[in-house]
Amino acid sequence: MPYFPSLHPSAIFTSNLAPIVRTGFLIQDEIFAASASVTTDLTASAARRGLRCSEFLARLACSIDNGDTVAVLSDFVESELEEYPVEVARFFETGSRLLSHSAELYRDVAAGQVREAEAKTVV
């Protein structure tokens, strides 16, 4: 996640710290961002599911008077069977994106540490 140097959450703390500590702060920032992303996705999923359940209950209440309760139940089960895999796919997509981003971060950190180690051994 790109930050402007002046807006980076840990910019104040990492300016004069050891590289491993700076790396720790960067990883901590990524963990917080990942947690927020997962929480947002789960909250949105729960909201969509709650809305579908509310609509189902309203339709079910009306169907009792009309005598088409079986059709309403059937429609609800059918729509849930269609929507559930979509919700799971969204969650897995978020997880995959976060893992990919984390792997990229760790690769960059490892490459930086290798460069620092090489620079120390050359000198």
Protein backbone atom coordinates (compact mmCIF):
# COMPACT_ATOMS: atom_id res chain seq x y z
CA MET A 1 0.00 0.00 0.00
CA PRO A 2 1.80 3.16 -1.10
CA TYR A 3 2.06 6.06 1.31
CA PHE A 4 3.37 9.53 0.91
CA PRO A 5 6.44 9.76 3.14
CA SER A 6 4.89 12.45 5.31
CA LEU A 7 1.65 10.47 5.70
CA HIS A 8 3.17 7.07 6.45
CA PRO A 9 1.86 5.91 9.85
CA SER A 10 5.29 4.92 11.14
CA ALA A 11 7.36 7.59 9.36
CA ILE A 12 8.08 9.48 12.57
CA PHE A 13 9.22 6.39 14.43
CA THR A 14 11.27 4.68 11.74
CA SER A 15 13.59 7.46 10.66
CA ASN A 16 16.45 6.62 13.06
CA LEU A 17 15.73 2.99 13.93
CA ALA A 18 17.54 -0.18 13.02
CA PRO A 19 16.42 -1.81 9.75
CA ILE A 20 14.84 -4.77 11.53
CA VAL A 21 12.73 -2.44 13.68
CA ARG A 22 11.65 -0.45 10.62
CA THR A 23 10.69 -3.74 8.98
CA GLY A 24 8.67 -4.67 12.05
CA PHE A 25 6.77 -1.40 11.87
CA LEU A 26 6.07 -1.90 8.16
CA ILE A 27 4.78 -5.41 8.80
CA GLN A 28 2.64 -4.14 11.68
CA ASP A 29 1.14 -1.49 9.38
CA GLU A 30 0.33 -4.16 6.80
CA ILE A 31 -1.29 -6.37 9.44
CA PHE A 32 -3.54 -3.50 10.52
CA ALA A 33 -4.48 -2.76 6.91
CA ALA A 34 -5.20 -6.44 6.27
CA SER A 35 -7.34 -6.68 9.39
CA ALA A 36 -9.34 -3.65 8.31
CA SER A 37 -9.82 -5.11 4.83
CA VAL A 38 -11.01 -8.48 6.11
CA THR A 39 -13.30 -6.83 8.67
CA THR A 40 -14.81 -4.60 5.96
CA ASP A 41 -15.43 -7.56 3.68
CA LEU A 42 -16.99 -9.65 6.44
CA THR A 43 -19.19 -6.76 7.56
CA ALA A 44 -20.38 -6.18 3.99
CA SER A 45 -21.09 -9.89 3.60
CA ALA A 46 -23.06 -9.96 6.85
CA ALA A 47 -25.02 -6.88 5.77
CA ARG A 48 -25.90 -8.46 2.43
CA ARG A 49 -26.92 -11.68 4.13
CA GLY A 50 -29.02 -9.82 6.71
CA LEU A 51 -30.78 -7.88 3.97
CA ARG A 52 -31.57 -11.09 2.08
CA CYS A 53 -32.95 -12.67 5.28
CA SER A 54 -35.09 -9.62 6.04
CA GLU A 55 -36.51 -9.66 2.52
CA PHE A 56 -37.19 -13.37 2.86
CA LEU A 57 -39.04 -12.91 6.15
CA ALA A 58 -41.16 -10.12 4.66
CA ARG A 59 -42.01 -12.26 1.64
CA LEU A 60 -42.73 -15.24 3.90
CA ALA A 61 -45.13 -13.22 6.03
CA CYS A 62 -47.00 -12.07 2.92
CA SER A 63 -47.00 -15.56 1.42
CA ILE A 64 -48.88 -17.03 4.37
CA ASP A 65 -51.90 -14.92 3.45
CA ASN A 66 -51.51 -15.73 -0.27
CA GLY A 67 -50.92 -19.45 0.19
CA ASP A 68 -47.64 -19.60 -1.74
CA THR A 69 -45.31 -20.31 1.18
CA VAL A 70 -43.68 -23.27 -0.55
CA ALA A 71 -42.75 -21.12 -3.56
CA VAL A 72 -41.22 -18.44 -1.31
CA LEU A 73 -39.21 -21.05 0.62
CA SER A 74 -38.09 -22.62 -2.63
CA ASP A 75 -36.98 -19.26 -4.04
CA PHE A 76 -35.07 -18.45 -0.85
CA VAL A 77 -33.21 -21.78 -0.83
CA GLU A 78 -32.40 -21.42 -4.53
CA SER A 79 -31.08 -17.89 -4.11
CA GLU A 80 -29.01 -18.89 -1.08
CA LEU A 81 -27.49 -21.78 -3.03
CA GLU A 82 -26.48 -19.27 -5.69
CA GLU A 83 -25.28 -16.51 -3.36
CA TYR A 84 -23.31 -18.57 -0.84
CA PRO A 85 -20.53 -19.60 -3.26
CA VAL A 86 -20.29 -15.99 -4.44
CA GLU A 87 -19.80 -14.76 -0.85
CA VAL A 88 -17.20 -17.44 -0.16
CA ALA A 89 -15.40 -16.56 -3.39
CA ARG A 90 -15.29 -12.88 -2.35
CA PHE A 91 -13.80 -13.81 1.00
CA PHE A 92 -11.19 -16.09 -0.60
CA GLU A 93 -10.34 -13.38 -3.11
CA THR A 94 -9.67 -10.98 -0.26
CA GLY A 95 -7.54 -13.56 1.52
CA SER A 96 -5.61 -14.33 -1.64
CA ARG A 97 -4.98 -10.63 -2.29
CA LEU A 98 -3.72 -10.14 1.27
CA LEU A 99 -1.45 -13.17 1.13
CA SER A 100 -0.03 -12.06 -2.20
CA HIS A 101 0.62 -8.58 -0.84
CA SER A 102 2.23 -10.02 2.30
CA ALA A 103 4.47 -12.29 0.23
CA GLU A 104 5.55 -9.29 -1.83
CA LEU A 105 6.32 -7.33 1.34
CA TYR A 106 8.36 -10.17 2.83
CA ARG A 107 10.24 -10.61 -0.47
CA ASP A 108 11.11 -6.91 -0.47
CA VAL A 109 12.22 -7.07 3.16
CA ALA A 110 14.37 -10.15 2.51
CA ALA A 111 15.95 -8.53 -0.56
CA GLY A 112 16.73 -5.40 1.48
CA GLN A 113 18.33 -7.45 4.24
CA VAL A 114 20.42 -9.38 1.69
CA ARG A 115 21.60 -6.09 0.15
CA GLU A 116 22.53 -4.73 3.58
CA ALA A 117 24.40 -7.94 4.45
CA GLU A 118 26.27 -7.84 1.13
CA ALA A 119 27.16 -4.18 1.64
CA LYS A 120 28.58 -4.96 5.11
CA THR A 121 30.64 -7.90 3.85
CA VAL A 122 32.09 -5.91 0.93
CA VAL A 123 33.24 -3.08 3.20
